[in-house]
Amino acid sequence: MKKIILLFGPTASGKSEIAIDISRKLNGEILNADSMQVYKEIKILSARPNKSNVKHHFYGFLSAKKSFSVGEWYKLAAKRIKEIQKRKKVPVVVGGTGLYFKALTDGLVNIPKVEKKDFSHLNPLGRWMMGNHYHKKNSTIFDGVNMNDIQRVSRAISVYEGTGLTLKEWQSKKNKKYFKSKDFIKLCLSPPKDALEKKIKKRFNQMLKKGALNEVSKYKKKFLVPASYISANSIIGIYEIDLYQQKSINLNELKDRVLIRTRQYAKRQYTWQRGQMKDWKQFTDTNYLDLRKKVLSYLSKP
């Protein structure tokens, strides 16, 4: 095969496992397209896949101290995909960060480097006042930006202050593309929400057994500073486990809070699928063996 296989799905949908099976079947190598699995310090809570006999790229290779943009991922991924293809292997790009896949399929505008603004320390009222201030300066500054995602909001402001153009205006410019649409096979896992919720609960219990509490203890000594602009701090479970370890919440409350946040995240991923991935092949199977059979059958078609 000379195609690039893209595999998107909500958190806990089984992407990592099916990606390994695809790679074994088709002589492939896996590239990470999850913005939180790039950080080396958080392996358990980011659900980083275990090592297998399939080569994985861009997992746990970056310190949480480093910032990492969609543009940086795009350049690295494009270069690595071409290297994999030169070795006569199949690139299998897997993850749940929609913007990474959009960059790969649609290209990305080269936005100049700008000074990073940091609004992560603001409380809800402060964030609202800040947003209102910039909205008065330019009513379109936050178009297409999720206002609950403070990193994206901060990025939108940074770009506007640094260039005089909004993110949307930059995105309307001609994109730099490394690949053509015909280069991709696009697969999307979309299990029923009730089945996914059961998987989310089971996975977090497994994370606790594997040592998630200890992982957060080590992490927060270095990185968990409330006012710091560190992307990895937003990994689901870090903040909640910190509260549990401070005895602010009990174990059941910890599990409930993580479930709620993970469910909200999955909901955003489903929304992305519906809006951005209408031409992707959807798989709704909840039984793994059925899913594996259908995916591999689909990929074997001429």
Protein backbone atom coordinates (compact mmCIF):
# COMPACT_ATOMS: atom_id res chain seq x y z
CA MET A 1 0.00 0.00 0.00
CA LYS A 2 1.15 3.52 -0.81
CA LYS A 3 -1.58 5.18 1.23
CA ILE A 4 -1.40 6.95 4.58
CA ILE A 5 -3.92 5.48 7.02
CA LEU A 6 -5.60 7.95 9.36
CA LEU A 7 -7.42 6.62 12.43
CA PHE A 8 -9.44 9.03 14.58
CA GLY A 9 -11.75 8.28 17.46
CA PRO A 10 -12.92 9.55 20.85
CA THR A 11 -10.92 8.85 23.98
CA ALA A 12 -11.08 5.22 25.21
CA SER A 13 -12.53 3.97 21.91
CA GLY A 14 -9.69 1.46 21.34
CA LYS A 15 -7.69 3.37 18.71
CA SER A 16 -4.26 2.33 19.96
CA GLU A 17 -5.06 -1.38 19.90
CA ILE A 18 -6.61 -1.38 16.43
CA ALA A 19 -3.70 0.73 15.11
CA ILE A 20 -1.26 -1.95 16.26
CA ASP A 21 -3.30 -4.67 14.53
CA ILE A 22 -3.47 -2.62 11.33
CA SER A 23 0.29 -2.05 11.42
CA ARG A 24 1.06 -5.73 11.98
CA LYS A 25 -1.19 -6.71 9.10
CA LEU A 26 0.08 -4.10 6.64
CA ASN A 27 3.72 -3.69 7.70
CA GLY A 28 3.07 -0.28 9.15
CA GLU A 29 4.50 2.18 11.66
CA ILE A 30 2.38 4.25 14.02
CA LEU A 31 2.49 8.04 14.37
CA ASN A 32 0.87 9.76 17.35
CA ALA A 33 -1.82 12.37 16.66
CA ASP A 34 -2.81 13.02 20.27
CA SER A 35 -1.66 16.34 21.70
CA MET A 36 -1.35 15.01 25.28
CA GLN A 37 0.51 11.76 24.51
CA VAL A 38 3.57 13.71 23.34
CA TYR A 39 4.60 14.52 26.93
CA LYS A 40 7.13 12.16 28.52
CA GLU A 41 6.20 12.78 32.17
CA ILE A 42 2.58 11.57 31.91
CA LYS A 43 2.29 8.07 30.49
CA ILE A 44 -0.55 6.46 32.43
CA LEU A 45 -3.08 9.30 32.51
CA SER A 46 -2.50 10.19 28.86
CA ALA A 47 -3.22 6.53 27.96
CA ARG A 48 0.05 6.24 26.07
CA PRO A 49 0.14 2.82 24.36
CA ASN A 50 2.50 0.16 25.68
CA LYS A 51 5.51 -0.80 23.63
CA SER A 52 4.91 -3.52 21.08
CA ASN A 53 6.84 -4.97 18.17
CA VAL A 54 5.37 -2.20 16.00
CA LYS A 55 7.43 1.00 15.78
CA HIS A 56 5.74 4.06 17.36
CA HIS A 57 6.64 7.70 16.71
CA PHE A 58 6.07 10.92 18.71
CA TYR A 59 4.96 9.34 21.98
CA GLY A 60 6.44 10.72 25.20
CA PHE A 61 9.22 12.56 23.41
CA LEU A 62 8.65 16.07 24.75
CA SER A 63 9.08 17.61 28.20
CA ALA A 64 5.96 19.13 29.73
CA LYS A 65 7.98 22.36 30.04
CA LYS A 66 7.99 22.71 26.25
CA SER A 67 5.18 24.23 24.22
CA PHE A 68 4.12 22.26 21.16
CA SER A 69 1.88 23.65 18.43
CA VAL A 70 -0.20 22.06 15.69
CA GLY A 71 2.22 23.57 13.18
CA GLU A 72 5.23 21.93 14.82
CA TRP A 73 3.47 18.56 14.88
CA TYR A 74 2.46 18.95 11.22
CA LYS A 75 6.04 19.54 10.05
CA LEU A 76 7.43 16.65 12.11
CA ALA A 77 4.65 14.26 11.07
CA ALA A 78 4.92 15.10 7.36
CA LYS A 79 8.67 14.50 7.39
CA ARG A 80 8.35 11.21 9.31
CA ILE A 81 5.55 9.94 7.06
CA LYS A 82 7.77 10.39 4.01
CA GLU A 83 10.64 8.60 5.76
CA ILE A 84 8.35 5.66 6.59
CA GLN A 85 7.16 5.49 3.00
CA LYS A 86 10.76 5.44 1.75
CA ARG A 87 11.27 2.33 3.87
CA LYS A 88 8.33 0.75 1.99
CA LYS A 89 6.16 0.77 5.10
CA VAL A 90 2.65 2.08 5.74
CA PRO A 91 2.22 5.18 7.97
CA VAL A 92 -0.68 4.73 10.42
CA VAL A 93 -1.57 8.05 12.04
CA VAL A 94 -3.71 7.54 15.15
CA GLY A 95 -5.13 9.88 17.78
CA GLY A 96 -7.99 12.01 18.98
CA THR A 97 -6.77 15.55 18.30
CA GLY A 98 -8.90 16.74 15.40
CA LEU A 99 -6.70 19.74 14.58
CA TYR A 100 -3.73 17.46 13.90
CA PHE A 101 -5.70 15.49 11.32
CA LYS A 102 -7.11 18.64 9.77
CA ALA A 103 -3.60 20.01 9.33
CA LEU A 104 -2.48 16.77 7.69
CA THR A 105 -5.39 16.57 5.24
CA ASP A 106 -6.05 20.26 4.55
CA GLY A 107 -2.64 21.81 5.08
CA LEU A 108 -1.76 24.66 7.39
CA VAL A 109 -0.96 28.33 7.03
CA ASN A 110 2.50 29.39 8.18
CA ILE A 111 1.63 31.88 10.93
CA PRO A 112 4.66 33.94 12.01
CA LYS A 113 6.06 33.30 15.49
CA VAL A 114 4.43 35.60 18.01
CA GLU A 115 4.88 36.36 21.70
CA LYS A 116 2.79 33.93 23.74
CA LYS A 117 0.09 35.47 25.93
CA ASP A 118 -0.81 33.55 29.09
CA PHE A 119 -4.35 33.80 30.51
CA SER A 120 -4.46 30.38 32.19
CA HIS A 121 -4.18 31.93 35.67
CA LEU A 122 -7.43 33.89 35.38
CA ASN A 123 -10.56 32.80 37.26
CA PRO A 124 -13.88 32.47 35.32
CA LEU A 125 -14.81 36.13 35.88
CA GLY A 126 -11.35 37.28 34.84
CA ARG A 127 -11.51 35.17 31.68
CA TRP A 128 -14.91 36.61 30.81
CA MET A 129 -13.66 40.20 31.29
CA MET A 130 -10.54 39.48 29.23
CA GLY A 131 -12.63 37.90 26.45
CA ASN A 132 -15.04 40.81 26.46
CA HIS A 133 -12.15 43.29 26.23
CA TYR A 134 -10.70 41.62 23.11
CA HIS A 135 -14.12 41.07 21.56
CA LYS A 136 -14.65 44.84 21.69
CA LYS A 137 -11.32 45.35 19.90
CA ASN A 138 -12.30 42.90 17.15
CA SER A 139 -15.67 41.14 17.11
CA THR A 140 -14.31 38.23 15.05
CA ILE A 141 -11.20 37.50 17.12
CA PHE A 142 -12.70 34.34 18.66
CA ASP A 143 -14.55 33.02 15.61
CA GLY A 144 -14.11 29.25 15.50
CA VAL A 145 -12.46 29.18 18.94
CA ASN A 146 -13.88 27.15 21.84
CA MET A 147 -14.09 29.74 24.63
CA ASN A 148 -13.77 27.00 27.26
CA ASP A 149 -10.32 26.11 25.91
CA ILE A 150 -8.10 28.77 27.50
CA GLN A 151 -5.08 27.65 25.46
CA ARG A 152 -6.92 28.23 22.18
CA VAL A 153 -8.26 31.56 23.48
CA SER A 154 -4.75 32.62 24.51
CA ARG A 155 -3.42 31.53 21.11
CA ALA A 156 -6.10 33.57 19.31
CA ILE A 157 -5.15 36.68 21.29
CA SER A 158 -1.41 36.08 20.81
CA VAL A 159 -1.82 35.80 17.04
CA TYR A 160 -4.04 38.89 16.84
CA GLU A 161 -1.71 41.00 19.01
CA GLY A 162 1.38 39.81 17.15
CA THR A 163 0.15 40.03 13.56
CA GLY A 164 -2.95 42.24 13.50
CA LEU A 165 -4.94 39.38 11.93
CA THR A 166 -7.30 36.94 13.61
CA LEU A 167 -6.77 33.18 13.56
CA LYS A 168 -9.69 32.84 11.16
CA GLU A 169 -8.15 35.40 8.79
CA TRP A 170 -4.86 33.47 8.82
CA GLN A 171 -6.69 30.19 8.26
CA SER A 172 -8.40 31.63 5.18
CA LYS A 173 -5.03 32.13 3.49
CA LYS A 174 -3.54 29.51 1.18
CA ASN A 175 -2.45 26.47 3.15
CA LYS A 176 0.90 24.74 2.85
CA LYS A 177 0.09 21.14 1.95
CA TYR A 178 2.49 18.19 1.96
CA PHE A 179 -0.01 15.62 0.70
CA LYS A 180 -2.99 15.25 -1.63
CA SER A 181 -6.44 14.03 -0.57
CA LYS A 182 -5.99 10.81 -2.57
CA ASP A 183 -2.97 9.90 -0.40
CA PHE A 184 -5.17 9.09 2.61
CA ILE A 185 -7.45 6.30 3.81
CA LYS A 186 -9.56 7.90 6.53
CA LEU A 187 -11.04 5.73 9.31
CA CYS A 188 -13.11 6.91 12.24
CA LEU A 189 -14.19 4.96 15.33
CA SER A 190 -17.58 6.06 16.60
CA PRO A 191 -18.89 3.69 19.30
CA PRO A 192 -22.27 4.36 20.99
CA LYS A 193 -21.91 6.81 23.87
CA ASP A 194 -23.19 4.41 26.56
CA ALA A 195 -20.64 1.78 25.53
CA LEU A 196 -17.87 4.39 25.50
CA GLU A 197 -18.80 5.55 29.02
CA LYS A 198 -18.33 1.99 30.33
CA LYS A 199 -14.90 1.89 28.70
CA ILE A 200 -13.96 5.25 30.21
CA LYS A 201 -14.86 4.02 33.73
CA LYS A 202 -12.97 0.76 33.28
CA ARG A 203 -9.90 2.52 31.85
CA PHE A 204 -9.61 4.99 34.74
CA ASN A 205 -9.81 2.16 37.28
CA GLN A 206 -6.99 0.47 35.38
CA MET A 207 -5.00 3.72 35.41
CA LEU A 208 -5.30 3.88 39.20
CA LYS A 209 -4.08 0.27 39.49
CA LYS A 210 -1.13 1.01 37.19
CA GLY A 211 0.08 3.87 39.40
CA ALA A 212 -1.65 7.08 38.25
CA LEU A 213 -1.55 8.50 41.79
CA ASN A 214 2.21 8.10 42.01
CA GLU A 215 2.62 9.51 38.50
CA VAL A 216 0.80 12.71 39.51
CA SER A 217 2.79 12.97 42.77
CA LYS A 218 6.03 13.01 40.79
CA TYR A 219 4.64 15.32 38.14
CA LYS A 220 3.22 18.00 40.40
CA LYS A 221 6.53 18.53 42.20
CA LYS A 222 7.93 19.89 38.93
CA PHE A 223 5.04 21.17 36.85
CA LEU A 224 1.72 21.59 38.66
CA VAL A 225 1.91 25.32 39.31
CA PRO A 226 -1.60 26.86 39.10
CA ALA A 227 -0.53 30.00 37.22
CA SER A 228 1.77 28.24 34.78
CA TYR A 229 1.08 27.99 31.07
CA ILE A 230 1.82 24.28 30.66
CA SER A 231 -0.32 22.35 28.20
CA ALA A 232 0.20 19.00 29.95
CA ASN A 233 -1.55 20.37 33.06
CA SER A 234 -4.83 20.00 31.19
CA ILE A 235 -4.49 16.20 30.92
CA ILE A 236 -7.65 14.81 32.48
CA GLY A 237 -7.01 13.39 35.92
CA ILE A 238 -4.01 15.47 37.00
CA TYR A 239 -6.01 18.23 38.69
CA GLU A 240 -8.55 15.77 40.14
CA ILE A 241 -5.89 13.46 41.60
CA ASP A 242 -4.14 16.48 43.10
CA LEU A 243 -7.39 17.39 44.89
CA TYR A 244 -7.72 13.79 46.11
CA GLN A 245 -4.17 13.75 47.42
CA GLN A 246 -4.85 17.00 49.28
CA LYS A 247 -7.90 15.24 50.82
CA SER A 248 -10.24 17.82 49.25
CA ILE A 249 -12.29 15.03 47.64
CA ASN A 250 -12.70 11.29 48.30
CA LEU A 251 -12.03 8.39 45.92
CA ASN A 252 -15.60 8.18 44.60
CA GLU A 253 -15.64 11.93 43.95
CA LEU A 254 -12.30 11.60 42.14
CA LYS A 255 -13.74 8.91 39.84
CA ASP A 256 -16.94 10.89 39.24
CA ARG A 257 -15.05 14.08 38.35
CA VAL A 258 -12.71 12.29 35.96
CA LEU A 259 -15.68 10.54 34.32
CA ILE A 260 -17.51 13.85 33.83
CA ARG A 261 -14.48 15.59 32.30
CA THR A 262 -13.63 12.63 30.07
CA ARG A 263 -17.24 12.38 28.92
CA GLN A 264 -17.23 16.11 28.08
CA TYR A 265 -14.00 15.66 26.12
CA ALA A 266 -15.45 12.71 24.21
CA LYS A 267 -18.52 14.79 23.41
CA ARG A 268 -16.31 17.45 21.82
CA GLN A 269 -14.57 14.74 19.80
CA TYR A 270 -17.92 13.38 18.57
CA THR A 271 -18.91 16.92 17.58
CA TRP A 272 -15.65 17.26 15.64
CA GLN A 273 -16.37 13.98 13.84
CA ARG A 274 -19.83 15.11 12.78
CA GLY A 275 -18.63 18.47 11.53
CA GLN A 276 -15.21 17.72 10.06
CA MET A 277 -15.17 14.02 9.12
CA LYS A 278 -18.25 13.42 7.01
CA ASP A 279 -16.21 11.69 4.29
CA TRP A 280 -14.40 9.35 6.73
CA LYS A 281 -15.33 5.65 6.96
CA GLN A 282 -17.19 5.19 10.26
CA PHE A 283 -17.03 2.10 12.49
CA THR A 284 -19.52 1.79 15.37
CA ASP A 285 -18.72 -1.74 16.61
CA THR A 286 -18.27 -2.21 20.36
CA ASN A 287 -16.95 -5.78 20.20
CA TYR A 288 -13.22 -5.56 19.48
CA LEU A 289 -12.97 -8.69 17.36
CA ASP A 290 -15.85 -7.51 15.16
CA LEU A 291 -14.25 -4.07 14.87
CA ARG A 292 -10.87 -5.54 13.96
CA LYS A 293 -12.37 -7.81 11.33
CA LYS A 294 -14.34 -5.01 9.67
CA VAL A 295 -11.44 -2.53 9.68
CA LEU A 296 -8.95 -4.99 8.22
CA SER A 297 -11.51 -6.17 5.66
CA TYR A 298 -12.12 -2.56 4.59
CA LEU A 299 -8.38 -1.92 4.23
CA SER A 300 -7.86 -5.07 2.17
CA LYS A 301 -10.25 -3.91 -0.54
CA PRO A 302 -8.54 -2.96 -3.80
